[in-house]
Every structure is written in C-alpha cells, then in structure tokens.
Amino acid sequence: MPGAAIRGRWHSLTAGRSPSRLTLAATVFFWMASALSWTLSCLRVDHRFGSGMGRDLVTVWRAERVFAHGGQPYSLVATGHRVYLYPPSSLLVLRPVALLSVHETQILGLVATAALAWATVMVTSAALRRSWWGLTSAVAVFALGWAQPMVAELSLENVTVLCALGLAAFYLLTTRGHFIAAGAVIGLSLSIKPLLLPVLVVFLLARKGRALGIAIVVPAVLNAIAFAVVSHPNQVWSKLPSLLERSGIGVELNSAWVGVGHVLGLPGFVTILIRIVTVALAVAGAWWSWRQLTDPATRLVTTTSVLLIGTFLAGTLSENHFMLTLVPLAMTVVVPGAPMRRTTGAIGILLVMGLTPPGSLLGLNSEANLSAFGAFGMALLLVTIVVVLGRQHLQVAGGPATPAELSARPKALDGTLA
C-alpha cells in the first residue's frame, strides 16, 4: 500500500544511525525553512499586535511587579484589571520577570516562546531515541510553526510552553530511568501552572512513589512559602470560578465538551453523557497504553497524552495553546507500531493543530469553529488509541499468545520504562 511504503521510507530516513546524503540534505533544508518561517511568524506577531503582544505574559509581569513592591498580585485594581490565575507559587518561580520592562518582557517573551517550543520538539526527539538535530526534529519544528496552537502561543506568550517543555523533559528523564528528577520537573511545572496534573497518574502506574512524592512536595512547599510572603494570597480562590466555570463570554475559545456543547446548543444532559463516556475511554486508553505498547517511550507518551486528552475534554477548560502538550504524541508517528501511525490518528492531529474545515460547515465563527474541531480532533485521537489497543487486548485475551506476541509485549510491567 502507498501509505505503508511512505511510512517505511520515512522510518528509513529517520531511524538510521548513519544518515544518507538525502537525509542530511532534507534535514538541513527543513532547519533552514524552519528558521525562516519562524522568524517571519515572530515578525508578523510583533507587527500585528504591537503593544498588545504577549497579553498573558504581560499579566504575569504586572502581577510580579505588584508582588515585588509588596502589593496584592491577585487584586484587579493593583494589576490594572488583568486577572492573574496562576497559583501563588508561580510568583516565586517567575519572579525574574519583574526585573524587565514591559517592552522587554514582550520582546524577550516572544523569542523565548519560540526557543522553548523548538527545545520541546528536540527533547521529545531525544526521548524517542532520535537525534536532537535530526530530520524528525527538523520536520516537527517546521510543521509546528504553522500549527494554530503555536501561533496562539506566540501572540499570547502564555506559560503553557514552559509546561510543554517540562513534559518533554519528563519523557526524556523517565525513559532514561531518572524518575526523581522527572518528579522534580513535574513538580516545578505544577508550581507554575497545574496543567500537567494528570501526569501524576503515570508515577502511580510506574510504581514510583518517591518520584510522585517529589512531584507533590515541590509545589506544596513553594505554595506554603508563597502563602507566607505574598500579600493576601487567599484572593486566588475568588478567581477560580472564572477559570473552572468557563461559560458565556469566551466560551467559543474552549475546546472542552462543556464549551463545545454550549456553542452547538446541546442539551445539558447530552454534554454530561459525552463527558462520562470520555472519562471511560481515557481510563481504558491509558491502561491499555501502559500495558500493551512495547516501545517504552511510546508507551509513556501515549499514556500521558490520553490522560491529558481526557482531562481537556471532560474538564471545564481546554484552551487552544493547551494542545502544545500533545505535540509529543504526534511525533510518535516515527515509531513503528504507534497508534498515531493510523490514518485516523493523523486526521485527529491535524484537527487538533488547527487544520479545520470552514466554519460555515457548522455555522460557527472562526474561533468557535477552531475550538469545536479541536475537541473533535482530540476525541478522534482518543478513539483511535482505544480501538487500536482494544483490538490488541482482545486478540491476546482470545487465545494463547504466540512466541512472537510474547516477545512483543513490554519487557517489564512493574513500572520500569527502560
């Protein structure tokens, strides 16, 4: 089949230890194309948004400046009516931002966002046992530059890119057996933004209690310190309803089922039912991913991504830039046997990354259309993983395993990944 031939050719280009001239030429081409396209993207963001660039990072800057001068960073009056929603511990971790001017924050934030996105791809490549600077990284970086979540991240300069890099570092450290360091990385990420909370489940699956403890203790200690030094930190609780009950204004920017259901006019009970089914699929997908995938890195990335997808869809908030945490899942397409090598997986990734049908198809505006099809894409990814691994589970359960099946199963299911 043509698809199989293309995948075979791609694997031959990316997996070899001694790259051919064609591979080297393609790698250089994509890195040069990436450098050019990303530079143009940053210039467009700077030209289009100007003083309004980096809205989210400027909000962090305002809160940090207030904190640095002993004010109340969660007070709307003190921060110029910008809502600061991150936990008090983030004020300690992101404290250096207060040393910059607002213009320096915007410009350096734009450059740092792009650099951190590149680093996320390269670290993920290393976790997948590919070269940091190889063809896999080059193609992924080039493609990511055109993805809608990345475009949004560049304009907002949200700290989600830090979480994405932390997730990639978690994959690299864990696949190399450094669970304690991986726990510290996740703990630091949770101290900035609790986006990666579902990752804690992976430590349980891996039976790494000490690493889980580190991942919990780091944000707990930092928040304890922050509550002691931040002025009126309890004000953060009054901001949570706007985060956890995202409805009405801004709902079209939400790819969680509650947001999509509101946009599409679905009855409340239908949305609740869809959310329950999503949770059930996520639980089954995560369990089967952990038990059945043979490649350690693919097992880790797929399990974590399923948990994140389940949280994004069944939760109350799933913004566009959250999808950056699913970039590693898309990159597993280079690994033989990965669920993402299926056609439906590719379609799901394209929808998640913003390649959506026209808004007129559902009668939605562009933002609502992007959010709705982002949810459909995540759902398609989840169903693809569950169906692929569910079939494997049924095949194994349906009869005695052959020697080939036994050799293909994970070498250890006691939590080790190497």
Protein backbone atom coordinates (compact mmCIF):
# COMPACT_ATOMS: atom_id res chain seq x y z
CA MET A 1 0.00 0.00 0.00
CA PRO A 2 1.23 3.55 -0.71
CA GLY A 3 0.76 4.59 2.93
CA ALA A 4 2.88 1.71 4.18
CA ALA A 5 5.58 2.50 1.61
CA ILE A 6 5.67 6.14 2.68
CA ARG A 7 5.89 5.22 6.37
CA GLY A 8 8.64 2.72 5.61
CA ARG A 9 10.59 5.32 3.68
CA TRP A 10 10.17 7.86 6.48
CA HIS A 11 11.39 5.36 9.07
CA SER A 12 14.43 4.58 6.95
CA LEU A 13 15.21 8.28 6.75
CA THR A 14 14.82 9.00 10.47
CA ALA A 15 15.93 5.84 12.25
CA GLY A 16 19.31 5.12 10.76
CA ARG A 17 22.45 5.87 12.74
CA SER A 18 24.42 6.77 9.62
CA PRO A 19 22.22 9.24 7.73
CA SER A 20 22.38 9.24 3.97
CA ARG A 21 23.13 12.29 1.90
CA LEU A 22 19.44 12.61 1.14
CA THR A 23 18.65 12.58 4.86
CA LEU A 24 21.29 15.20 5.59
CA ALA A 25 20.07 17.39 2.74
CA ALA A 26 16.45 17.10 3.91
CA THR A 27 17.47 17.85 7.48
CA VAL A 28 19.40 20.99 6.51
CA PHE A 29 16.54 22.11 4.27
CA PHE A 30 13.89 21.79 6.98
CA TRP A 31 16.04 23.52 9.61
CA MET A 32 16.68 26.43 7.22
CA ALA A 33 12.99 26.56 6.28
CA SER A 34 12.07 26.48 9.97
CA ALA A 35 14.43 29.32 10.81
CA LEU A 36 12.96 31.45 8.03
CA SER A 37 9.29 30.65 8.69
CA TRP A 38 9.55 31.09 12.46
CA THR A 39 11.39 34.39 12.06
CA LEU A 40 8.66 35.65 9.74
CA SER A 41 5.99 34.45 12.16
CA CYS A 42 7.58 36.33 15.06
CA LEU A 43 7.85 39.47 12.93
CA ARG A 44 4.18 39.15 11.95
CA VAL A 45 3.15 38.78 15.59
CA ASP A 46 5.20 41.84 16.53
CA HIS A 47 3.73 43.87 13.65
CA ARG A 48 0.15 42.74 14.17
CA PHE A 49 -0.14 43.06 17.95
CA GLY A 50 2.46 45.72 18.74
CA SER A 51 1.94 47.00 22.27
CA GLY A 52 -0.79 44.37 22.75
CA MET A 53 1.62 41.48 22.16
CA GLY A 54 2.14 38.89 24.87
CA ARG A 55 -1.07 39.62 26.76
CA ASP A 56 -0.70 36.65 29.10
CA LEU A 57 2.97 37.27 29.88
CA VAL A 58 2.26 40.97 30.48
CA THR A 59 -0.36 39.89 33.02
CA VAL A 60 2.33 37.82 34.75
CA TRP A 61 4.68 40.84 34.60
CA ARG A 62 2.07 43.10 36.20
CA ALA A 63 1.40 40.61 38.99
CA GLU A 64 5.13 40.11 39.59
CA ARG A 65 5.73 43.86 39.76
CA VAL A 66 2.94 44.22 42.28
CA PHE A 67 4.34 41.30 44.28
CA ALA A 68 7.84 42.79 44.16
CA HIS A 69 6.55 46.01 45.73
CA GLY A 70 4.55 44.28 48.44
CA GLY A 71 1.17 44.73 46.79
CA GLN A 72 -1.67 42.29 46.19
CA PRO A 73 -0.99 40.45 42.90
CA TYR A 74 -4.49 38.92 42.83
CA SER A 75 -6.17 42.30 43.14
CA LEU A 76 -7.73 43.52 39.89
CA VAL A 77 -7.11 47.12 40.88
CA ALA A 78 -3.41 46.51 41.54
CA THR A 79 -2.83 44.63 38.27
CA GLY A 80 -4.69 47.04 36.01
CA HIS A 81 -7.78 44.80 35.83
CA ARG A 82 -5.82 41.86 34.45
CA VAL A 83 -6.89 38.58 36.08
CA TYR A 84 -3.91 36.63 37.42
CA LEU A 85 -4.97 32.98 37.79
CA TYR A 86 -1.77 31.07 38.47
CA PRO A 87 -1.06 29.63 41.95
CA PRO A 88 0.88 31.74 44.47
CA SER A 89 3.94 29.51 43.97
CA SER A 90 4.21 30.84 40.41
CA LEU A 91 5.01 34.26 41.81
CA LEU A 92 8.19 32.80 43.30
CA VAL A 93 9.22 30.79 40.23
CA LEU A 94 8.53 33.59 37.73
CA ARG A 95 9.93 36.35 39.95
CA PRO A 96 12.75 37.33 37.48
CA VAL A 97 10.10 38.63 35.06
CA ALA A 98 9.63 41.64 37.36
CA LEU A 99 13.20 42.77 36.60
CA LEU A 100 12.26 43.59 32.99
CA SER A 101 10.34 46.47 31.48
CA VAL A 102 7.03 45.71 29.83
CA HIS A 103 8.59 46.11 26.36
CA GLU A 104 11.50 43.84 27.25
CA THR A 105 9.02 41.30 28.61
CA GLN A 106 7.09 41.28 25.34
CA ILE A 107 10.10 41.01 23.03
CA LEU A 108 12.11 38.56 25.11
CA GLY A 109 8.94 36.60 25.80
CA LEU A 110 8.31 36.20 22.07
CA VAL A 111 11.86 34.97 21.45
CA ALA A 112 11.78 32.71 24.50
CA THR A 113 8.43 31.20 23.47
CA ALA A 114 9.81 30.24 20.07
CA ALA A 115 13.05 28.90 21.55
CA LEU A 116 11.22 26.84 24.18
CA ALA A 117 8.95 25.36 21.51
CA TRP A 118 11.99 24.27 19.48
CA ALA A 119 13.54 22.81 22.63
CA THR A 120 10.33 20.89 23.36
CA VAL A 121 10.49 19.18 19.98
CA MET A 122 14.20 18.41 20.24
CA VAL A 123 13.95 16.97 23.75
CA THR A 124 11.00 14.85 22.65
CA SER A 125 13.05 13.56 19.72
CA ALA A 126 15.76 12.52 22.14
CA ALA A 127 13.17 10.73 24.30
CA LEU A 128 12.04 8.85 21.18
CA ARG A 129 15.68 7.88 20.54
CA ARG A 130 16.07 10.21 17.59
CA SER A 131 18.78 12.80 17.07
CA TRP A 132 18.26 16.17 18.74
CA TRP A 133 19.13 17.91 15.45
CA GLY A 134 17.96 15.14 13.11
CA LEU A 135 15.28 15.00 10.47
CA THR A 136 12.50 14.16 12.93
CA SER A 137 13.17 17.34 14.92
CA ALA A 138 13.59 19.44 11.79
CA VAL A 139 10.29 18.36 10.23
CA ALA A 140 8.40 18.61 13.54
CA VAL A 141 9.70 22.12 14.23
CA PHE A 142 8.81 23.25 10.72
CA ALA A 143 5.27 21.82 10.98
CA LEU A 144 4.77 23.21 14.48
CA GLY A 145 5.47 26.71 13.22
CA TRP A 146 2.27 26.55 11.16
CA ALA A 147 0.10 24.98 13.86
CA GLN A 148 -2.65 27.18 15.25
CA PRO A 149 -1.87 26.41 18.92
CA MET A 150 1.70 27.59 18.35
CA VAL A 151 0.56 30.73 16.55
CA ALA A 152 -1.71 31.49 19.51
CA GLU A 153 1.10 30.79 21.96
CA LEU A 154 3.42 33.20 20.17
CA SER A 155 0.89 36.02 20.36
CA LEU A 156 -0.15 35.33 23.97
CA GLU A 157 3.28 34.29 25.33
CA ASN A 158 1.50 32.01 27.77
CA VAL A 159 3.45 29.85 30.22
CA THR A 160 1.93 26.74 28.60
CA VAL A 161 5.12 26.49 26.55
CA LEU A 162 7.03 26.01 29.82
CA CYS A 163 4.68 23.15 30.70
CA ALA A 164 5.20 21.62 27.26
CA LEU A 165 8.97 21.73 27.71
CA GLY A 166 8.63 20.30 31.21
CA LEU A 167 6.55 17.44 29.81
CA ALA A 168 9.18 16.71 27.16
CA ALA A 169 11.89 16.75 29.85
CA PHE A 170 9.74 14.36 31.90
CA TYR A 171 9.63 11.96 28.94
CA LEU A 172 13.39 12.12 28.43
CA LEU A 173 14.29 11.72 32.10
CA THR A 174 11.81 8.92 32.72
CA THR A 175 12.79 6.88 29.68
CA ARG A 176 16.37 7.06 30.95
CA GLY A 177 15.40 5.94 34.44
CA HIS A 178 15.74 9.30 36.23
CA PHE A 179 12.36 9.25 37.96
CA ILE A 180 13.31 11.51 40.88
CA ALA A 181 14.49 14.24 38.51
CA ALA A 182 11.36 13.72 36.42
CA GLY A 183 9.24 14.17 39.53
CA ALA A 184 11.05 17.42 40.34
CA VAL A 185 10.43 18.72 36.82
CA ILE A 186 6.71 17.95 37.02
CA GLY A 187 6.54 19.49 40.48
CA LEU A 188 8.14 22.68 39.21
CA SER A 189 5.71 22.76 36.29
CA LEU A 190 2.75 22.36 38.65
CA SER A 191 4.13 25.24 40.71
CA ILE A 192 3.78 27.49 37.67
CA LYS A 193 0.54 26.14 36.24
CA PRO A 194 -1.36 22.96 37.20
CA LEU A 195 -1.78 21.92 33.57
CA LEU A 196 0.14 18.64 33.96
CA LEU A 197 -1.72 17.29 36.99
CA PRO A 198 -2.78 14.13 35.06
CA VAL A 199 0.90 13.21 34.72
CA LEU A 200 0.91 12.25 38.40
CA VAL A 201 -1.10 9.16 37.46
CA VAL A 202 1.86 7.92 35.42
CA PHE A 203 4.02 7.80 38.54
CA LEU A 204 1.37 5.59 40.11
CA LEU A 205 1.31 3.30 37.08
CA ALA A 206 5.09 3.12 37.17
CA ARG A 207 5.02 2.41 40.92
CA LYS A 208 7.43 5.24 41.60
CA GLY A 209 6.21 6.50 44.95
CA ARG A 210 9.29 8.59 45.72
CA ALA A 211 9.08 10.40 42.39
CA LEU A 212 5.37 11.00 42.95
CA GLY A 213 6.16 12.38 46.38
CA ILE A 214 8.71 14.80 44.91
CA ALA A 215 6.20 15.93 42.27
CA ILE A 216 3.72 16.73 45.05
CA VAL A 217 6.12 18.15 47.63
CA VAL A 218 7.75 20.71 45.30
CA PRO A 219 4.58 22.70 44.58
CA ALA A 220 3.32 22.15 48.14
CA VAL A 221 6.47 23.68 49.66
CA LEU A 222 6.62 26.54 47.17
CA ASN A 223 2.96 27.37 47.76
CA ALA A 224 3.48 27.23 51.53
CA ILE A 225 6.31 29.76 51.19
CA ALA A 226 4.27 31.90 48.82
CA PHE A 227 1.29 31.99 51.18
CA ALA A 228 3.67 33.29 53.84
CA VAL A 229 5.22 36.08 51.76
CA VAL A 230 2.54 37.07 49.21
CA SER A 231 0.10 39.77 50.25
CA HIS A 232 -3.46 38.41 50.56
CA PRO A 233 -2.80 35.18 48.60
CA ASN A 234 -6.25 33.87 49.51
CA GLN A 235 -7.67 36.17 46.87
CA VAL A 236 -6.71 33.49 44.34
CA TRP A 237 -9.74 31.45 45.42
CA SER A 238 -12.10 34.20 44.25
CA LYS A 239 -10.61 33.92 40.75
CA LEU A 240 -11.19 30.18 40.38
CA PRO A 241 -14.86 30.38 39.28
CA SER A 242 -13.86 32.31 36.16
CA LEU A 243 -11.38 29.51 35.39
CA LEU A 244 -13.42 26.46 36.33
CA GLU A 245 -16.80 27.66 35.07
CA ARG A 246 -15.81 28.98 31.66
CA SER A 247 -19.15 29.87 30.11
CA GLY A 248 -20.77 32.78 28.32
CA ILE A 249 -18.09 35.26 27.24
CA GLY A 250 -15.06 33.39 25.97
CA VAL A 251 -16.80 30.03 25.68
CA GLU A 252 -16.03 29.88 21.98
CA LEU A 253 -12.35 29.65 22.92
CA ASN A 254 -12.91 26.49 24.95
CA SER A 255 -12.45 23.02 23.42
CA ALA A 256 -13.77 21.21 26.50
CA TRP A 257 -17.08 19.47 25.92
CA VAL A 258 -18.87 21.98 28.16
CA GLY A 259 -17.72 24.80 25.89
CA VAL A 260 -18.39 22.96 22.64
CA GLY A 261 -21.78 21.82 23.87
CA HIS A 262 -22.70 25.41 24.70
CA VAL A 263 -21.63 26.63 21.26
CA LEU A 264 -23.51 23.85 19.46
CA GLY A 265 -26.59 24.24 21.64
CA LEU A 266 -26.51 20.69 23.02
CA PRO A 267 -28.78 19.84 25.96
CA GLY A 268 -27.03 19.72 29.30
CA PHE A 269 -27.64 16.01 29.84
CA VAL A 270 -26.07 15.20 26.45
CA THR A 271 -22.91 17.11 27.37
CA ILE A 272 -22.73 15.31 30.71
CA LEU A 273 -23.13 11.94 28.98
CA ILE A 274 -20.37 12.76 26.50
CA ARG A 275 -18.08 13.77 29.35
CA ILE A 276 -18.74 10.50 31.19
CA VAL A 277 -18.00 8.46 28.05
CA THR A 278 -14.82 10.49 27.53
CA VAL A 279 -13.60 9.68 31.04
CA ALA A 280 -14.30 5.98 30.50
CA LEU A 281 -12.40 5.99 27.19
CA ALA A 282 -9.48 7.86 28.75
CA VAL A 283 -9.22 5.35 31.60
CA ALA A 284 -9.32 2.39 29.20
CA GLY A 285 -6.91 4.06 26.77
CA ALA A 286 -4.39 4.94 29.47
CA TRP A 287 -4.49 1.46 30.99
CA TRP A 288 -4.11 -0.32 27.65
CA SER A 289 -1.39 2.09 26.54
CA TRP A 290 0.60 1.34 29.64
CA ARG A 291 0.06 -2.41 29.50
CA GLN A 292 0.37 -3.14 25.80
CA LEU A 293 2.63 -0.72 23.95
CA THR A 294 6.06 -2.27 23.55
CA ASP A 295 8.26 0.76 22.95
CA PRO A 296 8.97 2.40 26.34
CA ALA A 297 8.92 5.99 25.08
CA THR A 298 5.78 5.46 23.00
CA ARG A 299 4.10 3.80 25.96
CA LEU A 300 4.92 6.74 28.20
CA VAL A 301 3.95 9.45 25.70
CA THR A 302 0.70 7.74 24.67
CA THR A 303 -0.40 7.02 28.23
CA THR A 304 0.28 10.57 29.35
CA SER A 305 -1.36 12.09 26.27
CA VAL A 306 -4.51 10.01 26.76
CA LEU A 307 -4.76 11.27 30.33
CA LEU A 308 -4.28 14.85 29.18
CA ILE A 309 -6.86 14.50 26.40
CA GLY A 310 -9.37 13.05 28.84
CA THR A 311 -8.79 15.98 31.20
CA PHE A 312 -9.02 18.59 28.44
CA LEU A 313 -12.25 17.18 27.02
CA ALA A 314 -14.08 16.14 30.19
CA GLY A 315 -12.90 19.09 32.26
CA THR A 316 -14.16 22.66 32.08
CA LEU A 317 -11.35 24.43 30.26
CA SER A 318 -9.30 23.49 27.21
CA GLU A 319 -7.71 26.46 25.52
CA ASN A 320 -6.03 26.35 22.14
CA HIS A 321 -2.47 26.57 23.41
CA PHE A 322 -3.01 23.56 25.70
CA MET A 323 -2.65 21.45 22.55
CA LEU A 324 1.12 22.04 22.61
CA THR A 325 1.30 19.27 25.21
CA LEU A 326 0.09 16.84 22.52
CA VAL A 327 3.00 17.55 20.14
CA PRO A 328 4.98 14.57 21.52
CA LEU A 329 2.03 12.30 20.76
CA ALA A 330 2.07 13.49 17.15
CA MET A 331 5.81 12.81 16.97
CA THR A 332 5.34 9.15 17.89
CA VAL A 333 4.32 8.65 14.26
CA VAL A 334 8.01 7.88 13.61
CA VAL A 335 7.86 4.86 15.95
CA PRO A 336 6.77 1.54 14.40
CA GLY A 337 3.60 0.21 15.99
CA ALA A 338 2.50 3.54 17.46
CA PRO A 339 -1.28 4.19 17.32
CA MET A 340 -0.58 7.56 15.68
CA ARG A 341 0.55 5.78 12.52
CA ARG A 342 -3.12 5.13 11.71
CA THR A 343 -4.93 7.42 9.29
CA THR A 344 -7.46 8.48 11.91
CA GLY A 345 -4.60 9.42 14.22
CA ALA A 346 -3.14 11.70 11.55
CA ILE A 347 -6.54 13.31 10.92
CA GLY A 348 -7.03 13.84 14.65
CA ILE A 349 -3.66 15.54 14.99
CA LEU A 350 -4.39 17.82 12.03
CA LEU A 351 -7.69 18.89 13.60
CA VAL A 352 -6.05 19.45 16.98
CA MET A 353 -3.34 21.57 15.37
CA GLY A 354 -5.85 23.79 13.63
CA LEU A 355 -6.33 22.39 10.12
CA THR A 356 -10.12 22.57 10.31
CA PRO A 357 -12.98 22.63 7.78
CA PRO A 358 -14.62 26.01 7.03
CA GLY A 359 -16.68 27.48 9.85
CA SER A 360 -19.71 27.57 7.56
CA LEU A 361 -19.93 23.78 7.87
CA LEU A 362 -21.38 24.11 11.37
CA GLY A 363 -22.44 27.73 11.07
CA LEU A 364 -19.80 28.90 13.57
CA ASN A 365 -17.45 31.84 13.69
CA SER A 366 -13.75 31.14 13.23
CA GLU A 367 -12.90 30.91 16.94
CA ALA A 368 -15.82 28.65 17.79
CA ASN A 369 -15.09 26.51 14.72
CA LEU A 370 -11.45 26.10 15.76
CA SER A 371 -12.41 25.12 19.29
CA ALA A 372 -15.13 22.69 18.19
CA PHE A 373 -12.96 20.83 15.71
CA GLY A 374 -10.11 20.86 18.20
CA ALA A 375 -12.40 18.88 20.50
CA PHE A 376 -13.41 16.57 17.66
CA GLY A 377 -9.74 16.01 16.87
CA MET A 378 -8.90 15.11 20.46
CA ALA A 379 -11.89 12.77 20.56
CA LEU A 380 -10.71 11.11 17.34
CA LEU A 381 -7.24 10.63 18.82
CA LEU A 382 -8.73 9.10 21.95
CA VAL A 383 -10.99 6.74 19.99
CA THR A 384 -8.12 5.74 17.69
CA ILE A 385 -5.89 4.78 20.60
CA VAL A 386 -8.65 2.90 22.39
CA VAL A 387 -9.72 0.98 19.27
CA VAL A 388 -6.17 0.07 18.22
CA LEU A 389 -5.12 -1.09 21.68
CA GLY A 390 -8.53 -2.59 22.42
CA ARG A 391 -8.19 -4.86 19.41
CA GLN A 392 -4.76 -5.94 20.57
CA HIS A 393 -6.13 -6.65 24.03
CA LEU A 394 -8.92 -8.80 22.61
CA GLN A 395 -6.50 -10.69 20.38
CA VAL A 396 -4.26 -11.51 23.31
CA ALA A 397 -7.20 -12.44 25.53
CA GLY A 398 -8.80 -14.56 22.82
CA GLY A 399 -6.23 -17.31 22.87
CA PRO A 400 -2.74 -18.38 23.93
CA ALA A 401 -0.01 -15.98 22.97
CA THR A 402 2.34 -16.96 20.21
CA PRO A 403 6.12 -16.65 20.72
CA ALA A 404 6.04 -13.51 18.54
CA GLU A 405 3.32 -11.95 20.72
CA LEU A 406 5.22 -12.78 23.88
CA SER A 407 8.38 -11.16 22.56
CA ALA A 408 6.41 -8.08 21.52
CA ARG A 409 4.95 -7.44 24.96
CA PRO A 410 6.61 -4.96 27.34
CA LYS A 411 9.66 -6.44 28.96
CA ALA A 412 8.51 -5.25 32.37
CA LEU A 413 5.23 -4.01 33.76
CA ASP A 414 6.44 -3.23 37.25
CA GLY A 415 6.99 0.41 36.46
CA THR A 416 10.33 0.35 34.69
CA LEU A 417 10.44 2.02 31.32
CA ALA A 418 13.81 1.00 30.03
